[in-house]
PDB file of all heavy atoms in Angstrom:
ATOM      1  N   GLY A   1       0.791  -1.188  -0.082  1.00  0.00           N
ATOM      2  CA  GLY A   1       0.012   0.027   0.027  1.00  0.00           C
ATOM      3  C   GLY A   1       0.816   1.244   0.031  1.00  0.00           C
ATOM      4  O   GLY A   1       0.620   2.269  -0.663  1.00  0.00           O
ATOM      5  N   ARG A   2       1.999   1.226   0.824  1.00  0.00           N
ATOM      6  CA  ARG A   2       2.824   2.437   0.777  1.00  0.00           C
ATOM      7  C   ARG A   2       3.543   2.688  -0.488  1.00  0.00           C
ATOM      8  O   ARG A   2       3.775   3.863  -1.072  1.00  0.00           O
ATOM      9  CB  ARG A   2       3.809   2.266   1.885  1.00  0.00           C
ATOM     10  CG  ARG A   2       4.718   3.550   2.142  1.00  0.00           C
ATOM     11  CD  ARG A   2       5.696   3.387   3.293  1.00  0.00           C
ATOM     12  NE  ARG A   2       6.590   4.416   3.387  1.00  0.00           N
ATOM     13  CZ  ARG A   2       6.317   5.660   3.841  1.00  0.00           C
ATOM     14  NH1 ARG A   2       5.064   5.843   4.309  1.00  0.00           N
ATOM     15  NH2 ARG A   2       7.283   6.590   3.898  1.00  0.00           N
ATOM     16  N   SER A   3       3.867   1.525  -1.171  1.00  0.00           N
ATOM     17  CA  SER A   3       4.471   1.630  -2.426  1.00  0.00           C
ATOM     18  C   SER A   3       3.536   2.248  -3.598  1.00  0.00           C
ATOM     19  O   SER A   3       3.873   3.160  -4.315  1.00  0.00           O
ATOM     20  CB  SER A   3       4.925   0.246  -3.075  1.00  0.00           C
ATOM     21  OG  SER A   3       5.921  -0.185  -2.060  1.00  0.00           O
ATOM     22  N   ARG A   4       2.272   1.883  -3.548  1.00  0.00           N
ATOM     23  CA  ARG A   4       1.295   2.471  -4.433  1.00  0.00           C
ATOM     24  C   ARG A   4       1.018   3.905  -3.991  1.00  0.00           C
ATOM     25  O   ARG A   4       0.954   4.781  -4.931  1.00  0.00           O
ATOM     26  CB  ARG A   4       0.007   1.731  -4.313  1.00  0.00           C
ATOM     27  CG  ARG A   4       0.074   0.330  -4.878  1.00  0.00           C
ATOM     28  CD  ARG A   4      -1.485  -0.179  -4.935  1.00  0.00           C
ATOM     29  NE  ARG A   4      -1.427  -1.535  -5.452  1.00  0.00           N
ATOM     30  CZ  ARG A   4      -2.534  -2.284  -5.703  1.00  0.00           C
ATOM     31  NH1 ARG A   4      -3.766  -1.727  -5.409  1.00  0.00           N
ATOM     32  NH2 ARG A   4      -2.490  -3.501  -6.199  1.00  0.00           N
ATOM     33  N   TYR A   5       1.149   4.291  -2.705  1.00  0.00           N
ATOM     34  CA  TYR A   5       0.807   5.727  -2.336  1.00  0.00           C
ATOM     35  C   TYR A   5       1.952   6.566  -2.839  1.00  0.00           C
ATOM     36  O   TYR A   5       1.709   7.675  -3.261  1.00  0.00           O
ATOM     37  CB  TYR A   5       0.787   5.665  -0.807  1.00  0.00           C
ATOM     38  CG  TYR A   5       0.579   7.073  -0.252  1.00  0.00           C
ATOM     39  CD1 TYR A   5      -0.549   7.814  -0.230  1.00  0.00           C
ATOM     40  CD2 TYR A   5       1.790   7.563   0.384  1.00  0.00           C
ATOM     41  CE1 TYR A   5      -0.586   8.964   0.154  1.00  0.00           C
ATOM     42  CE2 TYR A   5       1.655   8.920   0.871  1.00  0.00           C
ATOM     43  CZ  TYR A   5       0.510   9.607   0.875  1.00  0.00           C
ATOM     44  OH  TYR A   5       0.453  10.865   1.461  1.00  0.00           O
ATOM     45  N   LEU A   6       3.194   6.155  -2.709  1.00  0.00           N
ATOM     46  CA  LEU A   6       4.297   7.025  -3.121  1.00  0.00           C
ATOM     47  C   LEU A   6       4.481   7.039  -4.656  1.00  0.00           C
ATOM     48  O   LEU A   6       5.049   8.064  -5.145  1.00  0.00           O
ATOM     49  CB  LEU A   6       5.572   6.378  -2.456  1.00  0.00           C
ATOM     50  CG  LEU A   6       5.744   6.469  -1.061  1.00  0.00           C
ATOM     51  CD1 LEU A   6       7.001   5.736  -0.500  1.00  0.00           C
ATOM     52  CD2 LEU A   6       5.644   7.832  -0.473  1.00  0.00           C
ATOM     53  N   GLU A   7       4.002   6.056  -5.405  1.00  0.00           N
ATOM     54  CA  GLU A   7       4.103   6.133  -6.827  1.00  0.00           C
ATOM     55  C   GLU A   7       3.068   6.935  -7.448  1.00  0.00           C
ATOM     56  O   GLU A   7       3.266   7.412  -8.571  1.00  0.00           O
ATOM     57  CB  GLU A   7       3.956   4.672  -7.277  1.00  0.00           C
ATOM     58  CG  GLU A   7       5.112   3.740  -6.965  1.00  0.00           C
ATOM     59  CD  GLU A   7       4.959   2.384  -7.363  1.00  0.00           C
ATOM     60  OE1 GLU A   7       3.804   2.005  -7.906  1.00  0.00           O
ATOM     61  OE2 GLU A   7       5.897   1.552  -7.194  1.00  0.00           O
ATOM     62  N   ASN A   8       1.933   7.222  -6.853  1.00  0.00           N
ATOM     63  CA  ASN A   8       0.773   7.917  -7.497  1.00  0.00           C
ATOM     64  C   ASN A   8       0.330   9.031  -6.509  1.00  0.00           C
ATOM     65  O   ASN A   8       0.480   8.916  -5.348  1.00  0.00           O
ATOM     66  CB  ASN A   8      -0.367   7.002  -7.703  1.00  0.00           C
ATOM     67  CG  ASN A   8      -0.049   5.862  -8.544  1.00  0.00           C
ATOM     68  OD1 ASN A   8       0.252   5.940  -9.783  1.00  0.00           O
ATOM     69  ND2 ASN A   8       0.076   4.591  -8.043  1.00  0.00           N
ATOM     70  N   PRO A   9      -0.178  10.134  -7.091  1.00  0.00           N
ATOM     71  CA  PRO A   9      -0.694  11.169  -6.140  1.00  0.00           C
ATOM     72  C   PRO A   9      -1.825  10.676  -5.415  1.00  0.00           C
ATOM     73  O   PRO A   9      -2.703   9.862  -5.861  1.00  0.00           O
ATOM     74  CB  PRO A   9      -1.075  12.283  -7.206  1.00  0.00           C
ATOM     75  CG  PRO A   9      -1.316  11.525  -8.487  1.00  0.00           C
ATOM     76  CD  PRO A   9      -0.385  10.374  -8.584  1.00  0.00           C
ATOM     77  N   PRO A  10      -2.154  11.262  -4.159  1.00  0.00           N
ATOM     78  CA  PRO A  10      -3.258  10.856  -3.292  1.00  0.00           C
ATOM     79  C   PRO A  10      -4.527  11.062  -4.067  1.00  0.00           C
ATOM     80  O   PRO A  10      -4.715  12.025  -4.664  1.00  0.00           O
ATOM     81  CB  PRO A  10      -3.101  11.694  -2.111  1.00  0.00           C
ATOM     82  CG  PRO A  10      -1.588  12.274  -2.145  1.00  0.00           C
ATOM     83  CD  PRO A  10      -1.303  12.288  -3.518  1.00  0.00           C
ATOM     84  N   SER A  11      -5.440   9.960  -3.850  1.00  0.00           N
ATOM     85  CA  SER A  11      -6.783  10.146  -4.319  1.00  0.00           C
ATOM     86  C   SER A  11      -7.609  11.258  -3.569  1.00  0.00           C
ATOM     87  O   SER A  11      -7.121  11.602  -2.420  1.00  0.00           O
ATOM     88  CB  SER A  11      -7.452   8.792  -4.244  1.00  0.00           C
ATOM     89  OG  SER A  11      -7.668   8.473  -2.931  1.00  0.00           O
ATOM     90  N   PRO A  12      -8.673  11.737  -4.030  1.00  0.00           N
ATOM     91  CA  PRO A  12      -9.460  12.643  -3.247  1.00  0.00           C
ATOM     92  C   PRO A  12      -9.822  12.054  -1.862  1.00  0.00           C
ATOM     93  O   PRO A  12      -9.844  12.928  -0.786  1.00  0.00           O
ATOM     94  CB  PRO A  12     -10.710  12.919  -3.927  1.00  0.00           C
ATOM     95  CG  PRO A  12     -10.196  12.644  -5.436  1.00  0.00           C
ATOM     96  CD  PRO A  12      -9.259  11.525  -5.361  1.00  0.00           C
ATOM     97  N   ALA A  13     -10.114  10.794  -1.711  1.00  0.00           N
ATOM     98  CA  ALA A  13     -10.405  10.239  -0.365  1.00  0.00           C
ATOM     99  C   ALA A  13      -9.248  10.192   0.554  1.00  0.00           C
ATOM    100  O   ALA A  13      -9.311  10.570   1.638  1.00  0.00           O
ATOM    101  CB  ALA A  13     -10.996   8.837  -0.599  1.00  0.00           C
ATOM    102  N   ALA A  14      -8.032   9.873  -0.061  1.00  0.00           N
ATOM    103  CA  ALA A  14      -6.789   9.820   0.801  1.00  0.00           C
ATOM    104  C   ALA A  14      -6.382  11.305   1.107  1.00  0.00           C
ATOM    105  O   ALA A  14      -6.049  11.506   2.243  1.00  0.00           O
ATOM    106  CB  ALA A  14      -5.649   9.253  -0.068  1.00  0.00           C
ATOM    107  N   ALA A  15      -6.591  12.215   0.212  1.00  0.00           N
ATOM    108  CA  ALA A  15      -6.369  13.683   0.619  1.00  0.00           C
ATOM    109  C   ALA A  15      -7.250  14.197   1.637  1.00  0.00           C
ATOM    110  O   ALA A  15      -6.767  14.874   2.529  1.00  0.00           O
ATOM    111  CB  ALA A  15      -6.536  14.525  -0.690  1.00  0.00           C
ATOM    112  N   ALA A  16      -8.487  13.779   1.757  1.00  0.00           N
ATOM    113  CA  ALA A  16      -9.411  14.088   2.821  1.00  0.00           C
ATOM    114  C   ALA A  16      -8.963  13.508   4.033  1.00  0.00           C
ATOM    115  O   ALA A  16      -9.062  14.115   5.185  1.00  0.00           O
ATOM    116  CB  ALA A  16     -10.831  13.708   2.443  1.00  0.00           C
ATOM    117  N   ALA A  17      -8.573  12.235   4.021  1.00  0.00           N
ATOM    118  CA  ALA A  17      -7.991  11.649   5.306  1.00  0.00           C
ATOM    119  C   ALA A  17      -6.790  12.317   5.827  1.00  0.00           C
ATOM    120  O   ALA A  17      -6.557  12.508   7.018  1.00  0.00           O
ATOM    121  CB  ALA A  17      -7.755  10.154   5.072  1.00  0.00           C
ATOM    122  N   LEU A  18      -5.920  12.678   4.849  1.00  0.00           N
ATOM    123  CA  LEU A  18      -4.627  13.367   5.449  1.00  0.00           C
ATOM    124  C   LEU A  18      -5.028  14.696   5.927  1.00  0.00           C
ATOM    125  O   LEU A  18      -4.372  15.151   6.934  1.00  0.00           O
ATOM    126  CB  LEU A  18      -3.779  13.653   4.111  1.00  0.00           C
ATOM    127  CG  LEU A  18      -2.987  12.414   3.569  1.00  0.00           C
ATOM    128  CD1 LEU A  18      -2.227  12.729   2.261  1.00  0.00           C
ATOM    129  CD2 LEU A  18      -2.028  11.766   4.604  1.00  0.00           C
ATOM    130  N   GLU A  19      -6.033  15.398   5.349  1.00  0.00           N
ATOM    131  CA  GLU A  19      -6.530  16.722   5.986  1.00  0.00           C
ATOM    132  C   GLU A  19      -7.019  16.536   7.441  1.00  0.00           C
ATOM    133  O   GLU A  19      -6.847  17.311   8.281  1.00  0.00           O
ATOM    134  CB  GLU A  19      -7.607  17.307   5.121  1.00  0.00           C
ATOM    135  CG  GLU A  19      -8.036  18.605   5.499  1.00  0.00           C
ATOM    136  CD  GLU A  19      -6.943  19.744   5.416  1.00  0.00           C
ATOM    137  OE1 GLU A  19      -6.058  19.553   4.537  1.00  0.00           O
ATOM    138  OE2 GLU A  19      -7.077  20.750   6.070  1.00  0.00           O
ATOM    139  N   ALA A  20      -7.693  15.374   7.472  1.00  0.00           N
ATOM    140  CA  ALA A  20      -8.289  15.099   8.989  1.00  0.00           C
ATOM    141  C   ALA A  20      -7.284  14.612   9.871  1.00  0.00           C
ATOM    142  O   ALA A  20      -7.345  14.849  11.121  1.00  0.00           O
ATOM    143  CB  ALA A  20      -9.431  14.146   8.791  1.00  0.00           C
ATOM    144  N   TYR A  21      -6.388  13.696   9.526  1.00  0.00           N
ATOM    145  CA  TYR A  21      -5.545  12.976  10.450  1.00  0.00           C
ATOM    146  C   TYR A  21      -4.124  13.426  10.436  1.00  0.00           C
ATOM    147  O   TYR A  21      -3.299  12.986  11.218  1.00  0.00           O
ATOM    148  CB  TYR A  21      -5.614  11.513  10.242  1.00  0.00           C
ATOM    149  CG  TYR A  21      -6.972  10.924  10.516  1.00  0.00           C
ATOM    150  CD1 TYR A  21      -7.872  10.692   9.604  1.00  0.00           C
ATOM    151  CD2 TYR A  21      -7.219  10.528  11.764  1.00  0.00           C
ATOM    152  CE1 TYR A  21      -9.059  10.235   9.806  1.00  0.00           C
ATOM    153  CE2 TYR A  21      -8.437   9.976  12.018  1.00  0.00           C
ATOM    154  CZ  TYR A  21      -9.365   9.771  11.131  1.00  0.00           C
ATOM    155  OH  TYR A  21     -10.603   9.318  11.410  1.00  0.00           O
ATOM    156  N   GLY A  22      -3.761  14.420   9.627  1.00  0.00           N
ATOM    157  CA  GLY A  22      -2.460  14.905   9.541  1.00  0.00           C
ATOM    158  C   GLY A  22      -1.486  14.322   8.504  1.00  0.00           C
ATOM    159  O   GLY A  22      -1.730  13.234   8.081  1.00  0.00           O
ATOM    160  N   GLU A  23      -0.398  15.044   8.289  1.00  0.00           N
ATOM    161  CA  GLU A  23       0.645  14.609   7.294  1.00  0.00           C
ATOM    162  C   GLU A  23       1.322  13.407   7.608  1.00  0.00           C
ATOM    163  O   GLU A  23       1.834  12.592   6.770  1.00  0.00           O
ATOM    164  CB  GLU A  23       1.536  15.729   7.021  1.00  0.00           C
ATOM    165  CG  GLU A  23       0.934  16.986   6.436  1.00  0.00           C
ATOM    166  CD  GLU A  23       1.971  18.108   6.413  1.00  0.00           C
ATOM    167  OE1 GLU A  23       3.209  17.881   6.763  1.00  0.00           O
ATOM    168  OE2 GLU A  23       1.640  19.126   5.786  1.00  0.00           O
ATOM    169  N   GLY A  24       1.363  13.022   8.858  1.00  0.00           N
ATOM    170  CA  GLY A  24       2.139  11.826   9.426  1.00  0.00           C
ATOM    171  C   GLY A  24       1.275  10.569   9.293  1.00  0.00           C
ATOM    172  O   GLY A  24       1.768   9.438   9.716  1.00  0.00           O
ATOM    173  N   ASP A  25       0.029  10.720   8.866  1.00  0.00           N
ATOM    174  CA  ASP A  25      -0.817   9.487   8.786  1.00  0.00           C
ATOM    175  C   ASP A  25      -0.245   8.393   8.044  1.00  0.00           C
ATOM    176  O   ASP A  25      -0.424   7.213   8.452  1.00  0.00           O
ATOM    177  CB  ASP A  25      -2.284   9.968   8.319  1.00  0.00           C
ATOM    178  CG  ASP A  25      -3.191   8.757   8.209  1.00  0.00           C
ATOM    179  OD1 ASP A  25      -3.689   8.318   9.243  1.00  0.00           O
ATOM    180  OD2 ASP A  25      -3.550   8.359   7.120  1.00  0.00           O
ATOM    181  N   PRO A  26       0.333   8.591   6.896  1.00  0.00           N
ATOM    182  CA  PRO A  26       0.792   7.392   6.155  1.00  0.00           C
ATOM    183  C   PRO A  26       2.021   6.664   6.728  1.00  0.00           C
ATOM    184  O   PRO A  26       2.474   5.632   6.177  1.00  0.00           O
ATOM    185  CB  PRO A  26       1.219   8.035   4.703  1.00  0.00           C
ATOM    186  CG  PRO A  26       0.485   9.354   4.737  1.00  0.00           C
ATOM    187  CD  PRO A  26       0.411   9.777   6.088  1.00  0.00           C
ATOM    188  N   ASP A  27       2.470   7.164   7.781  1.00  0.00           N
ATOM    189  CA  ASP A  27       3.747   6.624   8.404  1.00  0.00           C
ATOM    190  C   ASP A  27       3.500   5.344   9.308  1.00  0.00           C
ATOM    191  O   ASP A  27       4.509   4.929   9.962  1.00  0.00           O
ATOM    192  CB  ASP A  27       4.442   7.676   9.175  1.00  0.00           C
ATOM    193  CG  ASP A  27       4.920   8.897   8.308  1.00  0.00           C
ATOM    194  OD1 ASP A  27       5.108   8.730   7.082  1.00  0.00           O
ATOM    195  OD2 ASP A  27       4.942  10.084   8.826  1.00  0.00           O
ATOM    196  N   TRP A  28       2.293   4.978   9.396  1.00  0.00           N
ATOM    197  CA  TRP A  28       2.162   3.713  10.153  1.00  0.00           C
ATOM    198  C   TRP A  28       1.008   2.923   9.491  1.00  0.00           C
ATOM    199  O   TRP A  28       0.325   3.283   8.480  1.00  0.00           O
ATOM    200  CB  TRP A  28       1.669   4.132  11.629  1.00  0.00           C
ATOM    201  CG  TRP A  28       0.320   4.574  11.784  1.00  0.00           C
ATOM    202  CD1 TRP A  28      -0.317   5.760  11.204  1.00  0.00           C
ATOM    203  CD2 TRP A  28      -0.803   3.890  12.452  1.00  0.00           C
ATOM    204  NE1 TRP A  28      -1.674   5.860  11.589  1.00  0.00           N
ATOM    205  CE2 TRP A  28      -1.953   4.819  12.292  1.00  0.00           C
ATOM    206  CE3 TRP A  28      -0.858   2.662  13.117  1.00  0.00           C
ATOM    207  CZ2 TRP A  28      -3.157   4.402  12.859  1.00  0.00           C
ATOM    208  CZ3 TRP A  28      -2.129   2.428  13.782  1.00  0.00           C
ATOM    209  CH2 TRP A  28      -3.231   3.125  13.593  1.00  0.00           C
ATOM    210  N   MET A  29       0.960   1.570   9.822  1.00  0.00           N
ATOM    211  CA  MET A  29       0.216   0.566   9.051  1.00  0.00           C
ATOM    212  C   MET A  29      -1.194   0.862   9.082  1.00  0.00           C
ATOM    213  O   MET A  29      -2.059   0.262   8.341  1.00  0.00           O
ATOM    214  CB  MET A  29       0.624  -0.788   9.509  1.00  0.00           C
ATOM    215  CG  MET A  29       0.234  -1.147  10.927  1.00  0.00           C
ATOM    216  SD  MET A  29       0.527  -2.775  11.243  1.00  0.00           S
ATOM    217  CE  MET A  29       2.278  -2.909  10.990  1.00  0.00           C
ATOM    218  N   GLY A  30      -1.727   1.586  10.092  1.00  0.00           N
ATOM    219  CA  GLY A  30      -3.136   1.757  10.280  1.00  0.00           C
ATOM    220  C   GLY A  30      -3.652   3.066   9.602  1.00  0.00           C
ATOM    221  O   GLY A  30      -4.556   3.586   9.961  1.00  0.00           O
ATOM    222  N   SER A  31      -2.874   3.624   8.601  1.00  0.00           N
ATOM    223  CA  SER A  31      -3.167   4.775   7.954  1.00  0.00           C
ATOM    224  C   SER A  31      -4.602   4.950   7.404  1.00  0.00           C
ATOM    225  O   SER A  31      -5.069   4.101   6.783  1.00  0.00           O
ATOM    226  CB  SER A  31      -2.182   4.999   6.732  1.00  0.00           C
ATOM    227  OG  SER A  31      -2.621   6.121   5.937  1.00  0.00           O
ATOM    228  N   HIS A  32      -5.323   6.058   7.863  1.00  0.00           N
ATOM    229  CA  HIS A  32      -6.577   6.349   7.434  1.00  0.00           C
ATOM    230  C   HIS A  32      -6.594   6.626   5.895  1.00  0.00           C
ATOM    231  O   HIS A  32      -7.659   6.373   5.192  1.00  0.00           O
ATOM    232  CB  HIS A  32      -7.342   7.396   8.143  1.00  0.00           C
ATOM    233  CG  HIS A  32      -7.550   7.037   9.624  1.00  0.00           C
ATOM    234  ND1 HIS A  32      -8.737   6.324   9.864  1.00  0.00           N
ATOM    235  CD2 HIS A  32      -6.811   7.034  10.820  1.00  0.00           C
ATOM    236  CE1 HIS A  32      -8.781   6.095  11.278  1.00  0.00           C
ATOM    237  NE2 HIS A  32      -7.602   6.539  11.806  1.00  0.00           N
ATOM    238  N   ALA A  33      -5.607   7.224   5.373  1.00  0.00           N
ATOM    239  CA  ALA A  33      -5.432   7.480   3.988  1.00  0.00           C
ATOM    240  C   ALA A  33      -5.457   6.201   3.161  1.00  0.00           C
ATOM    241  O   ALA A  33      -6.179   6.083   2.098  1.00  0.00           O
ATOM    242  CB  ALA A  33      -4.276   8.246   3.716  1.00  0.00           C
ATOM    243  N   PHE A  34      -4.771   5.147   3.686  1.00  0.00           N
ATOM    244  CA  PHE A  34      -4.700   3.872   2.974  1.00  0.00           C
ATOM    245  C   PHE A  34      -6.064   3.227   3.109  1.00  0.00           C
ATOM    246  O   PHE A  34      -6.452   2.565   2.093  1.00  0.00           O
ATOM    247  CB  PHE A  34      -3.648   2.996   3.568  1.00  0.00           C
ATOM    248  CG  PHE A  34      -2.171   3.481   3.357  1.00  0.00           C
ATOM    249  CD1 PHE A  34      -1.987   4.696   2.702  1.00  0.00           C
ATOM    250  CD2 PHE A  34      -1.121   2.816   3.850  1.00  0.00           C
ATOM    251  CE1 PHE A  34      -0.729   5.213   2.476  1.00  0.00           C
ATOM    252  CE2 PHE A  34       0.200   3.236   3.618  1.00  0.00           C
ATOM    253  CZ  PHE A  34       0.415   4.430   3.067  1.00  0.00           C
ATOM    254  N   GLN A  35      -6.695   3.375   4.206  1.00  0.00           N
ATOM    255  CA  GLN A  35      -8.034   2.794   4.338  1.00  0.00           C
ATOM    256  C   GLN A  35      -9.105   3.442   3.483  1.00  0.00           C
ATOM    257  O   GLN A  35     -10.025   2.664   2.954  1.00  0.00           O
ATOM    258  CB  GLN A  35      -8.536   2.868   5.726  1.00  0.00           C
ATOM    259  CG  GLN A  35      -7.654   2.109   6.863  1.00  0.00           C
ATOM    260  CD  GLN A  35      -8.118   2.163   8.283  1.00  0.00           C
ATOM    261  OE1 GLN A  35      -9.223   1.825   8.543  1.00  0.00           O
ATOM    262  NE2 GLN A  35      -7.272   2.539   9.109  1.00  0.00           N
ATOM    263  N   ALA A  36      -8.987   4.726   3.254  1.00  0.00           N
ATOM    264  CA  ALA A  36     -10.025   5.406   2.478  1.00  0.00           C
ATOM    265  C   ALA A  36      -9.726   5.385   1.035  1.00  0.00           C
ATOM    266  O   ALA A  36     -10.803   5.444   0.249  1.00  0.00           O
ATOM    267  CB  ALA A  36     -10.064   6.960   2.908  1.00  0.00           C
ATOM    268  N   ASP A  37      -8.498   5.250   0.515  1.00  0.00           N
ATOM    269  CA  ASP A  37      -8.225   5.274  -0.883  1.00  0.00           C
ATOM    270  C   ASP A  37      -8.580   3.819  -1.459  1.00  0.00           C
ATOM    271  O   ASP A  37      -8.153   2.816  -0.994  1.00  0.00           O
ATOM    272  CB  ASP A  37      -6.717   5.353  -1.088  1.00  0.00           C
ATOM    273  CG  ASP A  37      -6.327   5.600  -2.471  1.00  0.00           C
ATOM    274  OD1 ASP A  37      -7.063   5.121  -3.550  1.00  0.00           O
ATOM    275  OD2 ASP A  37      -5.394   6.419  -2.787  1.00  0.00           O
ATOM    276  N   PRO A  38      -9.589   3.815  -2.367  1.00  0.00           N
ATOM    277  CA  PRO A  38     -10.095   2.550  -2.952  1.00  0.00           C
ATOM    278  C   PRO A  38      -8.961   1.731  -3.662  1.00  0.00           C
ATOM    279  O   PRO A  38      -9.154   0.503  -3.911  1.00  0.00           O
ATOM    280  CB  PRO A  38     -11.272   3.027  -3.860  1.00  0.00           C
ATOM    281  CG  PRO A  38     -10.914   4.407  -4.289  1.00  0.00           C
ATOM    282  CD  PRO A  38     -10.261   4.963  -3.088  1.00  0.00           C
ATOM    283  N   ASN A  39      -7.934   2.383  -4.013  1.00  0.00           N
ATOM    284  CA  ASN A  39      -6.808   1.660  -4.695  1.00  0.00           C
ATOM    285  C   ASN A  39      -5.752   1.119  -3.820  1.00  0.00           C
ATOM    286  O   ASN A  39      -4.841   0.474  -4.244  1.00  0.00           O
ATOM    287  CB  ASN A  39      -6.120   2.587  -5.738  1.00  0.00           C
ATOM    288  CG  ASN A  39      -7.059   2.954  -6.846  1.00  0.00           C
ATOM    289  OD1 ASN A  39      -7.767   2.212  -7.327  1.00  0.00           O
ATOM    290  ND2 ASN A  39      -6.896   4.295  -7.196  1.00  0.00           N
ATOM    291  N   LEU A  40      -5.958   1.316  -2.456  1.00  0.00           N
ATOM    292  CA  LEU A  40      -5.077   0.779  -1.488  1.00  0.00           C
ATOM    293  C   LEU A  40      -5.572  -0.358  -0.634  1.00  0.00           C
ATOM    294  O   LEU A  40      -5.716  -1.419  -1.202  1.00  0.00           O
ATOM    295  CB  LEU A  40      -4.550   1.994  -0.685  1.00  0.00           C
ATOM    296  CG  LEU A  40      -3.825   3.206  -1.492  1.00  0.00           C
ATOM    297  CD1 LEU A  40      -3.370   4.197  -0.458  1.00  0.00           C
ATOM    298  CD2 LEU A  40      -2.731   2.671  -2.229  1.00  0.00           C
ATOM    299  N   TYR A  41      -5.868  -0.165   0.570  1.00  0.00           N
ATOM    300  CA  TYR A  41      -6.278  -1.236   1.471  1.00  0.00           C
ATOM    301  C   TYR A  41      -7.435  -2.003   0.964  1.00  0.00           C
ATOM    302  O   TYR A  41      -7.576  -3.134   1.042  1.00  0.00           O
ATOM    303  CB  TYR A  41      -6.470  -0.790   2.867  1.00  0.00           C
ATOM    304  CG  TYR A  41      -5.255  -0.731   3.631  1.00  0.00           C
ATOM    305  CD1 TYR A  41      -3.876  -0.984   3.042  1.00  0.00           C
ATOM    306  CD2 TYR A  41      -5.176  -0.318   5.008  1.00  0.00           C
ATOM    307  CE1 TYR A  41      -2.753  -0.886   3.729  1.00  0.00           C
ATOM    308  CE2 TYR A  41      -4.039  -0.279   5.819  1.00  0.00           C
ATOM    309  CZ  TYR A  41      -2.824  -0.424   5.168  1.00  0.00           C
ATOM    310  OH  TYR A  41      -1.661  -0.386   5.754  1.00  0.00           O
ATOM    311  N   PRO A  42      -8.589  -1.316   0.439  1.00  0.00           N
ATOM    312  CA  PRO A  42      -9.750  -1.961  -0.098  1.00  0.00           C
ATOM    313  C   PRO A  42      -9.392  -2.795  -1.258  1.00  0.00           C
ATOM    314  O   PRO A  42     -10.150  -3.700  -1.558  1.00  0.00           O
ATOM    315  CB  PRO A  42     -10.635  -0.761  -0.458  1.00  0.00           C
ATOM    316  CG  PRO A  42     -10.322   0.311   0.346  1.00  0.00           C
ATOM    317  CD  PRO A  42      -8.782   0.206   0.522  1.00  0.00           C
TER     318      PRO A  42
END
């Protein structure tokens, strides 16, 4: 999931999660941006 996140710009859902949970959200495995982005954890 982190590889996909770094290779592509954040989706609108991931950007909204980053806005809500902060820029450090992708730095741990429970990232809300990864959970919200349909191309990542789902």
